[in-house]
Amino acid sequence: MSEKKHPSGAPWRNFYGRFKGKTLRPKQEEYLENDLAALSPGAVGWDVNPDREKLDIDALFGGRPLWLEIGFGGGEHLVHQAKNNPDKGFIGCEPFINGVAMLLGKVKDAGLDNLRIHPGDARDLFDVLPDGVVEKAFLLYPDPWPKKRHHRRRFVTQEHLEPLHQVMREGAEFRVATDIPDYVRQTMLEVPKAGFEWLAEGPSDWRDPWGDWLSTRYEQKALREGRTPHYMTFRRT
């Protein structure tokens, strides 16, 4: 049987997130129409890059190392990192268009030139990133898919982690934050299996946030509702 494919020619990848939520404000619609294309990292989609040619990251960011955020939500952490690390290049992936619109407003206000946006599935970006190009990656408060039958939909599965490992350089850092205990367990099982080493030496290494951390609105919601954040740091081996 031939591999099932999307009409674009892409391999069929089930996507379980939300592409759009509540109605966008006129200003957000304006950002999407006028600003998003200019912040593209290049030809990522199968419709524009069916041969899956690799992106030229050196040309895109002038030789700056690449940091990647997978599912940036409202974009506050991504903008915080890009502002404080002008010597790095950033790509954020987020299929939820409302989050993309929120980020575009923040990028415009901050006047950033070292950030690009892929408004879609991170797996499509992994296809076209050169091997070993990512110096640091962030997975912050990903969708927990709390029902057990839905755990295969989480990012911390080999379907996502193996290609992430491929595009990260040896010794690169992978940060994961979540407030869901079962997501912590799955992370601790699956991420090392994909070729990452957990760097914790004591409880503070997963209880305390990173020194350059900016608490997101998702984290604030978790704290209000009495859930405990966990901060896990891995190294690509």
C-alpha atoms as a PDB file:
ATOM      1  CA  MET A   1       0.000   0.000   0.000  1.00  0.00           C
ATOM      2  CA  SER A   2       1.400   3.436  -0.913  1.00  0.00           C
ATOM      3  CA  GLU A   3       1.989   5.985   1.825  1.00  0.00           C
ATOM      4  CA  LYS A   4      -1.045   8.141   2.519  1.00  0.00           C
ATOM      5  CA  LYS A   5      -0.374  11.724   1.481  1.00  0.00           C
ATOM      6  CA  HIS A   6      -1.958  15.135   1.755  1.00  0.00           C
ATOM      7  CA  PRO A   7      -3.127  16.712  -1.553  1.00  0.00           C
ATOM      8  CA  SER A   8      -0.090  19.040  -1.323  1.00  0.00           C
ATOM      9  CA  GLY A   9       2.213  16.025  -1.622  1.00  0.00           C
ATOM     10  CA  ALA A  10       3.133  16.021   2.070  1.00  0.00           C
ATOM     11  CA  PRO A  11       3.128  12.789   4.038  1.00  0.00           C
ATOM     12  CA  TRP A  12      -0.133  12.614   5.944  1.00  0.00           C
ATOM     13  CA  ARG A  13       0.530  13.922   9.429  1.00  0.00           C
ATOM     14  CA  ASN A  14      -2.318  14.015  11.866  1.00  0.00           C
ATOM     15  CA  PHE A  15      -2.550  17.420  13.469  1.00  0.00           C
ATOM     16  CA  TYR A  16      -4.528  17.753  16.681  1.00  0.00           C
ATOM     17  CA  GLY A  17      -4.192  21.413  17.637  1.00  0.00           C
ATOM     18  CA  ARG A  18      -6.429  24.412  16.978  1.00  0.00           C
ATOM     19  CA  PHE A  19      -5.743  26.510  13.916  1.00  0.00           C
ATOM     20  CA  LYS A  20      -8.033  29.344  15.003  1.00  0.00           C
ATOM     21  CA  GLY A  21      -9.926  30.266  18.149  1.00  0.00           C
ATOM     22  CA  LYS A  22     -11.886  33.394  18.946  1.00  0.00           C
ATOM     23  CA  THR A  23     -12.400  36.089  16.331  1.00  0.00           C
ATOM     24  CA  LEU A  24      -9.331  38.176  15.650  1.00  0.00           C
ATOM     25  CA  ARG A  25      -9.345  41.908  16.280  1.00  0.00           C
ATOM     26  CA  PRO A  26      -8.997  44.148  13.195  1.00  0.00           C
ATOM     27  CA  LYS A  27      -5.450  45.092  14.207  1.00  0.00           C
ATOM     28  CA  GLN A  28      -4.501  41.408  14.446  1.00  0.00           C
ATOM     29  CA  GLU A  29      -5.975  40.738  11.010  1.00  0.00           C
ATOM     30  CA  GLU A  30      -3.854  43.631   9.759  1.00  0.00           C
ATOM     31  CA  TYR A  31      -0.696  42.124  11.285  1.00  0.00           C
ATOM     32  CA  LEU A  32      -1.381  38.780   9.600  1.00  0.00           C
ATOM     33  CA  GLU A  33      -2.011  40.400   6.239  1.00  0.00           C
ATOM     34  CA  ASN A  34       0.856  42.875   6.249  1.00  0.00           C
ATOM     35  CA  ASP A  35       3.619  41.507   8.503  1.00  0.00           C
ATOM     36  CA  LEU A  36       3.580  37.708   8.568  1.00  0.00           C
ATOM     37  CA  ALA A  37       5.039  37.040   5.109  1.00  0.00           C
ATOM     38  CA  ALA A  38       8.054  39.264   5.801  1.00  0.00           C
ATOM     39  CA  LEU A  39       8.861  37.185   8.903  1.00  0.00           C
ATOM     40  CA  SER A  40       8.811  33.813   7.134  1.00  0.00           C
ATOM     41  CA  PRO A  41      11.963  31.703   7.582  1.00  0.00           C
ATOM     42  CA  GLY A  42      11.653  30.638   3.948  1.00  0.00           C
ATOM     43  CA  ALA A  43       9.946  27.877   1.983  1.00  0.00           C
ATOM     44  CA  VAL A  44       8.677  25.476   4.647  1.00  0.00           C
ATOM     45  CA  GLY A  45       5.313  24.221   3.411  1.00  0.00           C
ATOM     46  CA  TRP A  46       5.017  21.281   1.041  1.00  0.00           C
ATOM     47  CA  ASP A  47       3.038  23.440  -1.367  1.00  0.00           C
ATOM     48  CA  VAL A  48       5.998  25.825  -1.823  1.00  0.00           C
ATOM     49  CA  ASN A  49       8.848  23.362  -1.213  1.00  0.00           C
ATOM     50  CA  PRO A  50       7.790  19.901  -2.410  1.00  0.00           C
ATOM     51  CA  ASP A  51      11.427  18.786  -2.816  1.00  0.00           C
ATOM     52  CA  ARG A  52      12.099  19.669   0.834  1.00  0.00           C
ATOM     53  CA  GLU A  53      15.166  21.762   0.062  1.00  0.00           C
ATOM     54  CA  LYS A  54      16.958  22.914   3.205  1.00  0.00           C
ATOM     55  CA  LEU A  55      16.709  26.480   4.473  1.00  0.00           C
ATOM     56  CA  ASP A  56      19.857  28.614   4.418  1.00  0.00           C
ATOM     57  CA  ILE A  57      19.988  29.543   8.101  1.00  0.00           C
ATOM     58  CA  ASP A  58      23.363  31.293   7.806  1.00  0.00           C
ATOM     59  CA  ALA A  59      21.952  33.641   5.177  1.00  0.00           C
ATOM     60  CA  LEU A  60      18.701  34.094   7.106  1.00  0.00           C
ATOM     61  CA  PHE A  61      20.374  35.258  10.312  1.00  0.00           C
ATOM     62  CA  GLY A  62      23.777  36.436   9.142  1.00  0.00           C
ATOM     63  CA  GLY A  63      25.602  33.478  10.650  1.00  0.00           C
ATOM     64  CA  ARG A  64      24.004  33.823  14.083  1.00  0.00           C
ATOM     65  CA  PRO A  65      23.255  30.558  15.962  1.00  0.00           C
ATOM     66  CA  LEU A  66      19.647  29.373  15.769  1.00  0.00           C
ATOM     67  CA  TRP A  67      17.305  29.030  18.750  1.00  0.00           C
ATOM     68  CA  LEU A  68      13.902  27.433  18.243  1.00  0.00           C
ATOM     69  CA  GLU A  69      10.631  27.679  20.208  1.00  0.00           C
ATOM     70  CA  ILE A  70       8.043  24.983  19.528  1.00  0.00           C
ATOM     71  CA  GLY A  71       4.509  26.216  20.191  1.00  0.00           C
ATOM     72  CA  PHE A  72       5.139  29.782  21.364  1.00  0.00           C
ATOM     73  CA  GLY A  73       1.584  30.493  22.559  1.00  0.00           C
ATOM     74  CA  GLY A  74       1.197  34.250  22.837  1.00  0.00           C
ATOM     75  CA  GLY A  75       4.864  34.807  22.046  1.00  0.00           C
ATOM     76  CA  GLU A  76       5.926  36.629  25.220  1.00  0.00           C
ATOM     77  CA  HIS A  77       8.795  34.244  26.020  1.00  0.00           C
ATOM     78  CA  LEU A  78       9.997  34.182  22.417  1.00  0.00           C
ATOM     79  CA  VAL A  79      10.108  37.982  22.212  1.00  0.00           C
ATOM     80  CA  HIS A  80      11.821  38.147  25.625  1.00  0.00           C
ATOM     81  CA  GLN A  81      14.572  35.787  24.462  1.00  0.00           C
ATOM     82  CA  ALA A  82      15.010  37.515  21.097  1.00  0.00           C
ATOM     83  CA  LYS A  83      15.300  40.957  22.726  1.00  0.00           C
ATOM     84  CA  ASN A  84      17.866  39.721  25.251  1.00  0.00           C
ATOM     85  CA  ASN A  85      19.903  37.690  22.757  1.00  0.00           C
ATOM     86  CA  PRO A  86      20.393  39.865  19.669  1.00  0.00           C
ATOM     87  CA  ASP A  87      23.391  37.714  18.719  1.00  0.00           C
ATOM     88  CA  LYS A  88      21.059  34.728  18.121  1.00  0.00           C
ATOM     89  CA  GLY A  89      18.518  34.001  15.423  1.00  0.00           C
ATOM     90  CA  PHE A  90      15.080  32.748  16.475  1.00  0.00           C
ATOM     91  CA  ILE A  91      12.350  30.757  14.774  1.00  0.00           C
ATOM     92  CA  GLY A  92       9.025  30.219  16.503  1.00  0.00           C
ATOM     93  CA  CYS A  93       6.512  27.566  15.431  1.00  0.00           C
ATOM     94  CA  GLU A  94       2.820  27.919  16.268  1.00  0.00           C
ATOM     95  CA  PRO A  95      -0.147  26.586  14.271  1.00  0.00           C
ATOM     96  CA  PHE A  96      -2.717  28.505  16.363  1.00  0.00           C
ATOM     97  CA  ILE A  97      -3.285  31.639  14.272  1.00  0.00           C
ATOM     98  CA  ASN A  98      -4.500  33.739  17.215  1.00  0.00           C
ATOM     99  CA  GLY A  99      -1.146  33.181  18.918  1.00  0.00           C
ATOM    100  CA  VAL A 100       0.671  34.113  15.715  1.00  0.00           C
ATOM    101  CA  ALA A 101      -1.294  37.367  15.531  1.00  0.00           C
ATOM    102  CA  MET A 102      -0.444  38.150  19.164  1.00  0.00           C
ATOM    103  CA  LEU A 103       3.256  37.550  18.494  1.00  0.00           C
ATOM    104  CA  LEU A 104       3.241  39.778  15.419  1.00  0.00           C
ATOM    105  CA  GLY A 105       2.038  42.705  17.517  1.00  0.00           C
ATOM    106  CA  LYS A 106       4.785  42.096  20.081  1.00  0.00           C
ATOM    107  CA  VAL A 107       7.468  41.821  17.369  1.00  0.00           C
ATOM    108  CA  LYS A 108       6.321  45.091  15.827  1.00  0.00           C
ATOM    109  CA  ASP A 109       6.406  46.878  19.184  1.00  0.00           C
ATOM    110  CA  ALA A 110       9.864  45.493  20.010  1.00  0.00           C
ATOM    111  CA  GLY A 111      11.365  46.227  16.586  1.00  0.00           C
ATOM    112  CA  LEU A 112      13.091  42.833  16.374  1.00  0.00           C
ATOM    113  CA  ASP A 113      15.104  41.777  13.330  1.00  0.00           C
ATOM    114  CA  ASN A 114      16.326  38.377  14.585  1.00  0.00           C
ATOM    115  CA  LEU A 115      13.023  36.486  14.740  1.00  0.00           C
ATOM    116  CA  ARG A 116      11.099  34.494  12.147  1.00  0.00           C
ATOM    117  CA  ILE A 117       7.735  32.747  12.373  1.00  0.00           C
ATOM    118  CA  HIS A 118       6.482  29.438  11.000  1.00  0.00           C
ATOM    119  CA  PRO A 119       2.681  29.480  11.446  1.00  0.00           C
ATOM    120  CA  GLY A 120       2.258  25.719  11.261  1.00  0.00           C
ATOM    121  CA  ASP A 121       3.335  22.260  12.370  1.00  0.00           C
ATOM    122  CA  ALA A 122       6.905  22.085  13.714  1.00  0.00           C
ATOM    123  CA  ARG A 123       7.434  18.785  11.902  1.00  0.00           C
ATOM    124  CA  ASP A 124       7.236  20.587   8.557  1.00  0.00           C
ATOM    125  CA  LEU A 125       9.975  22.958   9.710  1.00  0.00           C
ATOM    126  CA  PHE A 126      12.126  20.049  10.890  1.00  0.00           C
ATOM    127  CA  ASP A 127      11.980  18.661   7.335  1.00  0.00           C
ATOM    128  CA  VAL A 128      13.760  21.706   5.916  1.00  0.00           C
ATOM    129  CA  LEU A 129      16.194  22.625   8.677  1.00  0.00           C
ATOM    130  CA  PRO A 130      19.759  21.445   8.054  1.00  0.00           C
ATOM    131  CA  ASP A 131      21.023  18.745  10.394  1.00  0.00           C
ATOM    132  CA  GLY A 132      22.698  20.023  13.549  1.00  0.00           C
ATOM    133  CA  VAL A 133      21.740  23.672  13.105  1.00  0.00           C
ATOM    134  CA  VAL A 134      19.698  24.345  16.284  1.00  0.00           C
ATOM    135  CA  GLU A 135      21.725  25.494  19.300  1.00  0.00           C
ATOM    136  CA  LYS A 136      18.805  25.661  21.770  1.00  0.00           C
ATOM    137  CA  ALA A 137      15.150  24.603  21.682  1.00  0.00           C
ATOM    138  CA  PHE A 138      12.202  25.400  23.942  1.00  0.00           C
ATOM    139  CA  LEU A 139       8.992  23.428  24.559  1.00  0.00           C
ATOM    140  CA  LEU A 140       7.045  25.472  27.095  1.00  0.00           C
ATOM    141  CA  TYR A 141       3.669  24.435  28.482  1.00  0.00           C
ATOM    142  CA  PRO A 142       2.717  22.307  25.485  1.00  0.00           C
ATOM    143  CA  ASP A 143      -0.839  21.052  25.057  1.00  0.00           C
ATOM    144  CA  PRO A 144      -1.087  18.305  27.717  1.00  0.00           C
ATOM    145  CA  TRP A 145      -3.744  16.150  26.020  1.00  0.00           C
ATOM    146  CA  PRO A 146      -4.748  14.880  29.475  1.00  0.00           C
ATOM    147  CA  LYS A 147      -6.771  11.820  28.442  1.00  0.00           C
ATOM    148  CA  LYS A 148      -4.617   8.692  28.327  1.00  0.00           C
ATOM    149  CA  ARG A 149      -5.851   7.694  24.885  1.00  0.00           C
ATOM    150  CA  HIS A 150      -4.612  11.045  23.584  1.00  0.00           C
ATOM    151  CA  HIS A 151      -1.059  10.854  24.985  1.00  0.00           C
ATOM    152  CA  ARG A 152       0.269   9.863  21.558  1.00  0.00           C
ATOM    153  CA  ARG A 153      -0.736  13.354  20.420  1.00  0.00           C
ATOM    154  CA  ARG A 154       1.727  15.029  22.764  1.00  0.00           C
ATOM    155  CA  PHE A 155       4.922  16.533  21.416  1.00  0.00           C
ATOM    156  CA  VAL A 156       7.056  14.300  23.618  1.00  0.00           C
ATOM    157  CA  THR A 157       6.712  11.262  21.365  1.00  0.00           C
ATOM    158  CA  GLN A 158       9.365   9.813  19.094  1.00  0.00           C
ATOM    159  CA  GLU A 159       7.495  11.101  16.034  1.00  0.00           C
ATOM    160  CA  HIS A 160       8.462  14.626  17.077  1.00  0.00           C
ATOM    161  CA  LEU A 161      11.569  14.072  19.184  1.00  0.00           C
ATOM    162  CA  GLU A 162      13.599  12.104  16.641  1.00  0.00           C
ATOM    163  CA  PRO A 163      13.479  14.836  13.961  1.00  0.00           C
ATOM    164  CA  LEU A 164      14.125  17.461  16.645  1.00  0.00           C
ATOM    165  CA  HIS A 165      17.238  15.535  17.679  1.00  0.00           C
ATOM    166  CA  GLN A 166      18.318  15.449  14.027  1.00  0.00           C
ATOM    167  CA  VAL A 167      18.227  19.234  13.590  1.00  0.00           C
ATOM    168  CA  MET A 168      19.916  20.032  16.922  1.00  0.00           C
ATOM    169  CA  ARG A 169      23.683  20.218  17.186  1.00  0.00           C
ATOM    170  CA  GLU A 170      25.633  17.978  19.559  1.00  0.00           C
ATOM    171  CA  GLY A 171      25.581  19.472  23.049  1.00  0.00           C
ATOM    172  CA  ALA A 172      22.571  21.697  22.265  1.00  0.00           C
ATOM    173  CA  GLU A 173      20.135  22.460  25.077  1.00  0.00           C
ATOM    174  CA  PHE A 174      16.469  21.427  25.060  1.00  0.00           C
ATOM    175  CA  ARG A 175      14.225  23.030  27.684  1.00  0.00           C
ATOM    176  CA  VAL A 176      10.793  21.664  28.619  1.00  0.00           C
ATOM    177  CA  ALA A 177       8.370  23.327  31.044  1.00  0.00           C
ATOM    178  CA  THR A 178       5.022  21.848  32.098  1.00  0.00           C
ATOM    179  CA  ASP A 179       2.660  21.867  35.057  1.00  0.00           C
ATOM    180  CA  ILE A 180       1.170  18.445  34.310  1.00  0.00           C
ATOM    181  CA  PRO A 181       2.742  15.604  36.391  1.00  0.00           C
ATOM    182  CA  ASP A 182       1.952  12.943  33.811  1.00  0.00           C
ATOM    183  CA  TYR A 183       3.525  15.074  31.085  1.00  0.00           C
ATOM    184  CA  VAL A 184       6.645  15.230  33.261  1.00  0.00           C
ATOM    185  CA  ARG A 185       6.687  11.425  33.442  1.00  0.00           C
ATOM    186  CA  GLN A 186       6.272  11.031  29.694  1.00  0.00           C
ATOM    187  CA  THR A 187       8.958  13.653  29.063  1.00  0.00           C
ATOM    188  CA  MET A 188      11.411  11.868  31.348  1.00  0.00           C
ATOM    189  CA  LEU A 189      10.744   8.586  29.551  1.00  0.00           C
ATOM    190  CA  GLU A 190      10.646   9.684  25.926  1.00  0.00           C
ATOM    191  CA  VAL A 191      13.158  12.525  25.668  1.00  0.00           C
ATOM    192  CA  PRO A 192      16.195  10.464  26.833  1.00  0.00           C
ATOM    193  CA  LYS A 193      15.048   7.660  24.533  1.00  0.00           C
ATOM    194  CA  ALA A 194      15.392  10.093  21.613  1.00  0.00           C
ATOM    195  CA  GLY A 195      19.026  10.885  22.446  1.00  0.00           C
ATOM    196  CA  PHE A 196      18.899  13.617  25.083  1.00  0.00           C
ATOM    197  CA  GLU A 197      20.569  13.620  28.514  1.00  0.00           C
ATOM    198  CA  TRP A 198      18.754  15.103  31.522  1.00  0.00           C
ATOM    199  CA  LEU A 199      21.042  17.612  33.231  1.00  0.00           C
ATOM    200  CA  ALA A 200      19.458  17.775  36.699  1.00  0.00           C
ATOM    201  CA  GLU A 201      21.757  17.252  39.703  1.00  0.00           C
ATOM    202  CA  GLY A 202      19.270  18.154  42.442  1.00  0.00           C
ATOM    203  CA  PRO A 203      15.621  19.150  43.052  1.00  0.00           C
ATOM    204  CA  SER A 204      16.247  22.832  42.367  1.00  0.00           C
ATOM    205  CA  ASP A 205      17.140  21.905  38.781  1.00  0.00           C
ATOM    206  CA  TRP A 206      13.532  21.069  38.020  1.00  0.00           C
ATOM    207  CA  ARG A 207      11.729  23.109  40.675  1.00  0.00           C
ATOM    208  CA  ASP A 208      13.318  26.494  39.978  1.00  0.00           C
ATOM    209  CA  PRO A 209      12.900  28.304  36.658  1.00  0.00           C
ATOM    210  CA  TRP A 210      15.875  29.090  34.463  1.00  0.00           C
ATOM    211  CA  GLY A 211      17.794  32.277  35.210  1.00  0.00           C
ATOM    212  CA  ASP A 212      16.596  33.947  32.004  1.00  0.00           C
ATOM    213  CA  TRP A 213      13.008  32.729  32.361  1.00  0.00           C
ATOM    214  CA  LEU A 214       9.989  34.931  31.647  1.00  0.00           C
ATOM    215  CA  SER A 215       6.813  33.524  33.192  1.00  0.00           C
ATOM    216  CA  THR A 216       4.141  33.116  30.520  1.00  0.00           C
ATOM    217  CA  ARG A 217       0.398  33.640  30.788  1.00  0.00           C
ATOM    218  CA  TYR A 218      -0.011  29.854  30.695  1.00  0.00           C
ATOM    219  CA  GLU A 219       2.253  29.482  33.694  1.00  0.00           C
ATOM    220  CA  GLN A 220       0.410  32.204  35.583  1.00  0.00           C
ATOM    221  CA  LYS A 221      -2.851  30.359  34.948  1.00  0.00           C
ATOM    222  CA  ALA A 222      -1.305  27.122  36.246  1.00  0.00           C
ATOM    223  CA  LEU A 223      -0.104  28.855  39.416  1.00  0.00           C
ATOM    224  CA  ARG A 224      -3.514  30.431  40.023  1.00  0.00           C
ATOM    225  CA  GLU A 225      -5.093  26.996  39.721  1.00  0.00           C
ATOM    226  CA  GLY A 226      -2.618  25.435  42.162  1.00  0.00           C
ATOM    227  CA  ARG A 227      -0.489  23.406  39.740  1.00  0.00           C
ATOM    228  CA  THR A 228       3.282  23.141  40.166  1.00  0.00           C
ATOM    229  CA  PRO A 229       5.570  24.016  37.243  1.00  0.00           C
ATOM    230  CA  HIS A 230       8.468  21.733  36.375  1.00  0.00           C
ATOM    231  CA  TYR A 231      11.515  22.968  34.461  1.00  0.00           C
ATOM    232  CA  MET A 232      13.510  20.222  32.748  1.00  0.00           C
ATOM    233  CA  THR A 233      16.775  20.777  30.913  1.00  0.00           C
ATOM    234  CA  PHE A 234      18.250  18.233  28.492  1.00  0.00           C
ATOM    235  CA  ARG A 235      21.373  18.114  26.361  1.00  0.00           C
ATOM    236  CA  ARG A 236      21.464  16.625  22.877  1.00  0.00           C
ATOM    237  CA  THR A 237      23.958  13.775  22.904  1.00  0.00           C
END
